[in-house]
Each structure stands twice: as structure tokens, then as C-alpha cells.
Amino acid sequence: MVDILKGRGISPGKAKGIVRIITKPTQFKDIKQGDVLVTEMASPEFNKHIRHAVAVITVEGGALGHLGTLSRELKVPCIVGIKDATKLLKTGNLVEVDAHTGIVKILETK
């Protein structure tokens, strides 16, 4: 098992929370306050849901993209570029996100 993942922090901050994998819009209903949202790439549908997240992790995206701008505006820590994040992380995992360094630590698995 991998317990540390590395990407690129695009909105600074640190957070700890439960992973919620989002691969399709119907999963937005499952988001709880304090979740760490993990997705392939964010779209405008994330706008109203990112407010509930303590952090966001994506496989793709960049600092000037939609998610980069939105996460900085809302002051939500965000890391992009973690290859296979939606496969390596599972809904229910407890993780610590450090968007200053781009590091995600898996603290507990489900």
C-alpha cells in the first residue's frame, strides 16, 4: 500500500479529512461537510460542492484552471497531478493534505 502521494499544491493550506471519490455527477449527493474531494478533473459542477470540502485532490488540472482559481478563492487546499489518485485513494480513507508541499498522507484505510 502507498501511504504518501505527491502532486503539486495549487491552493495552499493543510487539512485532514475523509476521502470522497467523485467520478460522476450523481456522487455529489454523497458529499459531507469536511470531506476531501478526489476526482480526475473538476468541472463547473464542483462550484457549489467544493464549499463543503476541507481539501481537493485531482489527477489532472493546473494552477490557472477552473479548480485552481475556485480553490484559491474559497481558500480550500488543493493538490493536482496525483496520478491514479482516484484508484490509490478509496472513499472512507482518512488523509492529511499538505498543499504547501503537495503531499497527501494516508492515515487510515477503509
N, C-alpha and C. Protein backbone atom coordinates (compact mmCIF):
# COMPACT_ATOMS: atom_id res chain seq x y z
N MET A 1 0.84 -1.19 0.00
CA MET A 1 0.00 0.00 0.00
C MET A 1 0.88 1.26 0.00
N VAL A 2 0.46 2.23 -0.74
CA VAL A 2 1.16 3.52 -0.78
C VAL A 2 0.59 4.38 0.34
N ASP A 3 1.44 4.92 1.22
CA ASP A 3 0.88 5.81 2.25
C ASP A 3 1.20 7.27 2.05
N ILE A 4 2.00 7.60 1.05
CA ILE A 4 2.27 9.00 0.73
C ILE A 4 2.14 9.19 -0.78
N LEU A 5 1.36 10.19 -1.17
CA LEU A 5 1.19 10.54 -2.58
C LEU A 5 1.72 11.94 -2.78
N LYS A 6 2.27 12.20 -3.97
CA LYS A 6 2.88 13.51 -4.24
C LYS A 6 2.27 14.10 -5.50
N GLY A 7 1.90 15.37 -5.39
CA GLY A 7 1.39 16.13 -6.52
C GLY A 7 1.90 17.56 -6.43
N ARG A 8 1.13 18.49 -6.98
CA ARG A 8 1.53 19.90 -6.97
C ARG A 8 0.45 20.71 -6.27
N GLY A 9 0.82 21.36 -5.19
CA GLY A 9 -0.12 22.21 -4.47
C GLY A 9 -0.41 23.48 -5.26
N ILE A 10 -1.70 23.78 -5.47
CA ILE A 10 -2.05 24.99 -6.22
C ILE A 10 -2.89 25.96 -5.41
N SER A 11 -3.37 25.51 -4.26
CA SER A 11 -4.04 26.40 -3.32
C SER A 11 -3.52 25.99 -1.94
N PRO A 12 -2.75 26.84 -1.28
CA PRO A 12 -2.04 26.43 -0.08
C PRO A 12 -2.96 26.12 1.10
N GLY A 13 -2.44 25.33 2.00
CA GLY A 13 -3.15 25.01 3.22
C GLY A 13 -2.95 23.56 3.59
N LYS A 14 -3.41 23.23 4.80
CA LYS A 14 -3.36 21.86 5.31
C LYS A 14 -4.74 21.49 5.80
N ALA A 15 -5.06 20.21 5.65
CA ALA A 15 -6.36 19.73 6.12
C ALA A 15 -6.29 18.24 6.36
N LYS A 16 -7.20 17.75 7.19
CA LYS A 16 -7.33 16.33 7.46
C LYS A 16 -8.81 16.01 7.29
N GLY A 17 -9.11 14.91 6.58
CA GLY A 17 -10.50 14.55 6.39
C GLY A 17 -10.65 13.19 5.73
N ILE A 18 -11.90 12.83 5.53
CA ILE A 18 -12.27 11.56 4.92
C ILE A 18 -12.38 11.73 3.41
N VAL A 19 -11.76 10.82 2.68
CA VAL A 19 -11.79 10.86 1.22
C VAL A 19 -13.19 10.57 0.69
N ARG A 20 -13.59 11.34 -0.30
CA ARG A 20 -14.84 11.10 -1.04
C ARG A 20 -14.46 11.13 -2.53
N ILE A 21 -14.44 9.95 -3.17
CA ILE A 21 -14.12 9.86 -4.59
C ILE A 21 -15.35 10.31 -5.39
N ILE A 22 -15.13 11.23 -6.33
CA ILE A 22 -16.20 11.71 -7.20
C ILE A 22 -15.79 11.43 -8.64
N THR A 23 -16.47 10.46 -9.27
CA THR A 23 -16.17 10.14 -10.66
C THR A 23 -17.33 10.49 -11.59
N LYS A 24 -18.50 10.79 -11.01
CA LYS A 24 -19.66 11.18 -11.82
C LYS A 24 -20.55 12.11 -11.01
N PRO A 25 -21.30 12.98 -11.71
CA PRO A 25 -22.12 13.99 -11.02
C PRO A 25 -23.12 13.44 -10.00
N THR A 26 -23.60 12.22 -10.18
CA THR A 26 -24.58 11.67 -9.23
C THR A 26 -23.97 11.46 -7.84
N GLN A 27 -22.64 11.44 -7.74
CA GLN A 27 -21.98 11.24 -6.44
C GLN A 27 -21.89 12.51 -5.61
N PHE A 28 -22.24 13.65 -6.18
CA PHE A 28 -22.22 14.90 -5.41
C PHE A 28 -23.16 14.82 -4.21
N LYS A 29 -24.24 14.07 -4.31
CA LYS A 29 -25.20 13.96 -3.21
C LYS A 29 -24.60 13.29 -1.98
N ASP A 30 -23.50 12.55 -2.17
CA ASP A 30 -22.85 11.83 -1.07
C ASP A 30 -21.86 12.68 -0.28
N ILE A 31 -21.53 13.88 -0.76
CA ILE A 31 -20.53 14.72 -0.11
C ILE A 31 -21.03 15.20 1.25
N LYS A 32 -20.14 15.08 2.23
CA LYS A 32 -20.44 15.55 3.59
C LYS A 32 -19.49 16.69 3.94
N GLN A 33 -19.93 17.56 4.81
CA GLN A 33 -19.08 18.65 5.29
C GLN A 33 -17.79 18.06 5.85
N GLY A 34 -16.65 18.58 5.40
CA GLY A 34 -15.36 18.12 5.91
C GLY A 34 -14.70 17.03 5.09
N ASP A 35 -15.32 16.60 3.98
CA ASP A 35 -14.71 15.58 3.12
C ASP A 35 -13.53 16.15 2.34
N VAL A 36 -12.64 15.26 1.92
CA VAL A 36 -11.57 15.59 0.98
C VAL A 36 -12.04 15.04 -0.37
N LEU A 37 -12.37 15.93 -1.29
CA LEU A 37 -12.87 15.51 -2.59
C LEU A 37 -11.72 15.07 -3.48
N VAL A 38 -11.88 13.92 -4.11
CA VAL A 38 -10.86 13.37 -5.02
C VAL A 38 -11.54 13.07 -6.35
N THR A 39 -10.99 13.60 -7.44
CA THR A 39 -11.59 13.44 -8.76
C THR A 39 -10.52 13.42 -9.84
N GLU A 40 -10.91 12.99 -11.02
CA GLU A 40 -9.99 13.03 -12.16
C GLU A 40 -9.69 14.48 -12.54
N MET A 41 -10.75 15.24 -12.79
CA MET A 41 -10.62 16.65 -13.16
C MET A 41 -11.92 17.35 -12.77
N ALA A 42 -11.83 18.51 -12.19
CA ALA A 42 -13.02 19.24 -11.76
C ALA A 42 -13.68 19.94 -12.93
N SER A 43 -14.98 20.13 -12.79
CA SER A 43 -15.77 20.83 -13.78
C SER A 43 -16.61 21.89 -13.05
N PRO A 44 -17.32 22.73 -13.77
CA PRO A 44 -18.14 23.75 -13.11
C PRO A 44 -19.18 23.18 -12.13
N GLU A 45 -19.53 21.90 -12.27
CA GLU A 45 -20.48 21.28 -11.33
C GLU A 45 -19.93 21.26 -9.90
N PHE A 46 -18.61 21.38 -9.77
CA PHE A 46 -17.98 21.37 -8.45
C PHE A 46 -18.25 22.65 -7.67
N ASN A 47 -18.62 23.72 -8.35
CA ASN A 47 -18.74 25.04 -7.71
C ASN A 47 -19.49 25.02 -6.40
N LYS A 48 -20.68 24.47 -6.38
CA LYS A 48 -21.46 24.53 -5.13
C LYS A 48 -21.08 23.44 -4.13
N HIS A 49 -20.32 22.44 -4.57
CA HIS A 49 -19.97 21.34 -3.67
C HIS A 49 -18.61 21.51 -3.00
N ILE A 50 -17.73 22.26 -3.63
CA ILE A 50 -16.38 22.43 -3.07
C ILE A 50 -16.43 23.17 -1.74
N ARG A 51 -17.47 23.94 -1.50
CA ARG A 51 -17.61 24.68 -0.24
C ARG A 51 -17.68 23.77 0.97
N HIS A 52 -18.11 22.52 0.76
CA HIS A 52 -18.23 21.56 1.86
C HIS A 52 -16.91 20.84 2.14
N ALA A 53 -15.99 20.91 1.20
CA ALA A 53 -14.74 20.15 1.31
C ALA A 53 -13.70 20.87 2.17
N VAL A 54 -12.86 20.09 2.83
CA VAL A 54 -11.72 20.66 3.55
C VAL A 54 -10.50 20.71 2.65
N ALA A 55 -10.53 19.91 1.55
CA ALA A 55 -9.44 19.90 0.57
C ALA A 55 -9.92 19.20 -0.69
N VAL A 56 -9.17 19.43 -1.78
CA VAL A 56 -9.50 18.81 -3.06
C VAL A 56 -8.21 18.24 -3.66
N ILE A 57 -8.33 17.04 -4.23
CA ILE A 57 -7.21 16.37 -4.90
C ILE A 57 -7.69 15.96 -6.29
N THR A 58 -6.89 16.25 -7.32
CA THR A 58 -7.25 15.81 -8.67
C THR A 58 -6.07 15.15 -9.37
N VAL A 59 -6.42 14.32 -10.34
CA VAL A 59 -5.42 13.67 -11.17
C VAL A 59 -4.85 14.69 -12.16
N GLU A 60 -5.74 15.50 -12.75
CA GLU A 60 -5.34 16.49 -13.75
C GLU A 60 -5.72 17.89 -13.29
N GLY A 61 -5.27 18.88 -14.02
CA GLY A 61 -5.60 20.27 -13.71
C GLY A 61 -4.34 21.08 -13.50
N GLY A 62 -4.54 22.38 -13.37
CA GLY A 62 -3.39 23.26 -13.19
C GLY A 62 -3.76 24.50 -12.41
N ALA A 63 -2.78 25.29 -12.12
CA ALA A 63 -2.96 26.48 -11.29
C ALA A 63 -3.90 27.50 -11.90
N LEU A 64 -3.95 27.57 -13.23
CA LEU A 64 -4.80 28.56 -13.88
C LEU A 64 -6.13 28.00 -14.34
N GLY A 65 -6.37 26.74 -14.07
CA GLY A 65 -7.63 26.11 -14.46
C GLY A 65 -8.76 26.48 -13.51
N HIS A 66 -9.93 25.95 -13.81
CA HIS A 66 -11.14 26.24 -13.05
C HIS A 66 -10.97 25.91 -11.56
N LEU A 67 -10.50 24.71 -11.28
CA LEU A 67 -10.37 24.29 -9.89
C LEU A 67 -9.32 25.10 -9.15
N GLY A 68 -8.23 25.42 -9.81
CA GLY A 68 -7.18 26.23 -9.19
C GLY A 68 -7.71 27.57 -8.74
N THR A 69 -8.42 28.23 -9.63
CA THR A 69 -8.99 29.54 -9.31
C THR A 69 -10.03 29.43 -8.20
N LEU A 70 -10.94 28.47 -8.33
CA LEU A 70 -12.02 28.32 -7.35
C LEU A 70 -11.47 27.96 -5.97
N SER A 71 -10.52 27.04 -5.91
CA SER A 71 -9.99 26.64 -4.60
C SER A 71 -9.25 27.78 -3.92
N ARG A 72 -8.55 28.60 -4.68
CA ARG A 72 -7.86 29.75 -4.07
C ARG A 72 -8.88 30.78 -3.58
N GLU A 73 -9.92 31.04 -4.37
CA GLU A 73 -10.96 32.00 -3.95
C GLU A 73 -11.62 31.56 -2.65
N LEU A 74 -11.88 30.26 -2.53
CA LEU A 74 -12.58 29.73 -1.35
C LEU A 74 -11.62 29.32 -0.23
N LYS A 75 -10.30 29.47 -0.49
CA LYS A 75 -9.28 29.10 0.50
C LYS A 75 -9.38 27.63 0.92
N VAL A 76 -9.57 26.77 -0.10
CA VAL A 76 -9.62 25.33 0.11
C VAL A 76 -8.30 24.75 -0.41
N PRO A 77 -7.53 24.06 0.44
CA PRO A 77 -6.28 23.47 -0.03
C PRO A 77 -6.54 22.54 -1.22
N CYS A 78 -5.67 22.62 -2.22
CA CYS A 78 -5.87 21.82 -3.43
C CYS A 78 -4.54 21.32 -3.97
N ILE A 79 -4.51 20.03 -4.31
CA ILE A 79 -3.35 19.41 -4.92
C ILE A 79 -3.79 18.78 -6.24
N VAL A 80 -3.03 19.04 -7.30
CA VAL A 80 -3.31 18.46 -8.61
C VAL A 80 -2.13 17.59 -9.04
N GLY A 81 -2.39 16.77 -10.05
CA GLY A 81 -1.31 16.00 -10.65
C GLY A 81 -0.91 14.74 -9.89
N ILE A 82 -1.82 14.19 -9.09
CA ILE A 82 -1.52 12.91 -8.43
C ILE A 82 -2.05 11.80 -9.32
N LYS A 83 -1.13 11.19 -10.06
CA LYS A 83 -1.50 10.14 -11.00
C LYS A 83 -2.21 9.01 -10.26
N ASP A 84 -3.33 8.58 -10.80
CA ASP A 84 -4.12 7.47 -10.26
C ASP A 84 -4.69 7.75 -8.87
N ALA A 85 -4.87 9.01 -8.51
CA ALA A 85 -5.41 9.35 -7.18
C ALA A 85 -6.75 8.69 -6.93
N THR A 86 -7.60 8.60 -7.96
CA THR A 86 -8.93 8.00 -7.78
C THR A 86 -8.85 6.48 -7.65
N LYS A 87 -7.71 5.90 -7.94
CA LYS A 87 -7.53 4.45 -7.77
C LYS A 87 -6.74 4.13 -6.49
N LEU A 88 -5.78 4.98 -6.16
CA LEU A 88 -4.94 4.74 -4.97
C LEU A 88 -5.66 5.10 -3.68
N LEU A 89 -6.54 6.11 -3.74
CA LEU A 89 -7.31 6.50 -2.57
C LEU A 89 -8.70 5.88 -2.68
N LYS A 90 -9.30 5.59 -1.56
CA LYS A 90 -10.64 5.00 -1.52
C LYS A 90 -11.55 5.86 -0.65
N THR A 91 -12.82 5.93 -1.03
CA THR A 91 -13.80 6.62 -0.19
C THR A 91 -13.75 6.01 1.20
N GLY A 92 -13.64 6.85 2.20
CA GLY A 92 -13.57 6.39 3.59
C GLY A 92 -12.17 6.46 4.19
N ASN A 93 -11.13 6.54 3.34
CA ASN A 93 -9.77 6.70 3.86
C ASN A 93 -9.66 8.03 4.62
N LEU A 94 -8.92 8.04 5.69
CA LEU A 94 -8.59 9.28 6.39
C LEU A 94 -7.24 9.74 5.86
N VAL A 95 -7.18 10.99 5.37
CA VAL A 95 -5.94 11.51 4.80
C VAL A 95 -5.61 12.87 5.39
N GLU A 96 -4.33 13.21 5.30
CA GLU A 96 -3.84 14.53 5.65
C GLU A 96 -3.29 15.15 4.37
N VAL A 97 -3.80 16.32 4.03
CA VAL A 97 -3.40 17.01 2.80
C VAL A 97 -2.55 18.21 3.18
N ASP A 98 -1.36 18.29 2.60
CA ASP A 98 -0.49 19.46 2.79
C ASP A 98 -0.25 20.07 1.41
N ALA A 99 -1.06 21.04 1.06
CA ALA A 99 -0.97 21.66 -0.26
C ALA A 99 0.20 22.64 -0.36
N HIS A 100 0.90 22.89 0.73
CA HIS A 100 2.13 23.68 0.67
C HIS A 100 3.23 22.85 -0.01
N THR A 101 3.27 21.56 0.32
CA THR A 101 4.31 20.68 -0.20
C THR A 101 3.81 19.74 -1.30
N GLY A 102 2.49 19.65 -1.47
CA GLY A 102 1.92 18.74 -2.47
C GLY A 102 1.85 17.30 -2.01
N ILE A 103 1.88 17.09 -0.68
CA ILE A 103 1.91 15.73 -0.11
C ILE A 103 0.54 15.36 0.48
N VAL A 104 0.11 14.13 0.18
CA VAL A 104 -1.08 13.54 0.80
C VAL A 104 -0.63 12.31 1.55
N LYS A 105 -0.91 12.27 2.85
CA LYS A 105 -0.57 11.11 3.67
C LYS A 105 -1.85 10.33 3.98
N ILE A 106 -1.81 9.04 3.73
CA ILE A 106 -2.95 8.18 4.08
C ILE A 106 -2.75 7.75 5.52
N LEU A 107 -3.66 8.19 6.39
CA LEU A 107 -3.55 7.91 7.83
C LEU A 107 -4.28 6.65 8.24
N GLU A 108 -5.45 6.41 7.61
CA GLU A 108 -6.25 5.20 7.88
C GLU A 108 -6.92 4.77 6.60
N THR A 109 -7.02 3.46 6.41
CA THR A 109 -7.71 2.94 5.23
C THR A 109 -8.99 2.25 5.64
N LYS A 110 -9.92 2.21 4.71
CA LYS A 110 -11.21 1.54 4.94
C LYS A 110 -11.34 0.38 4.00
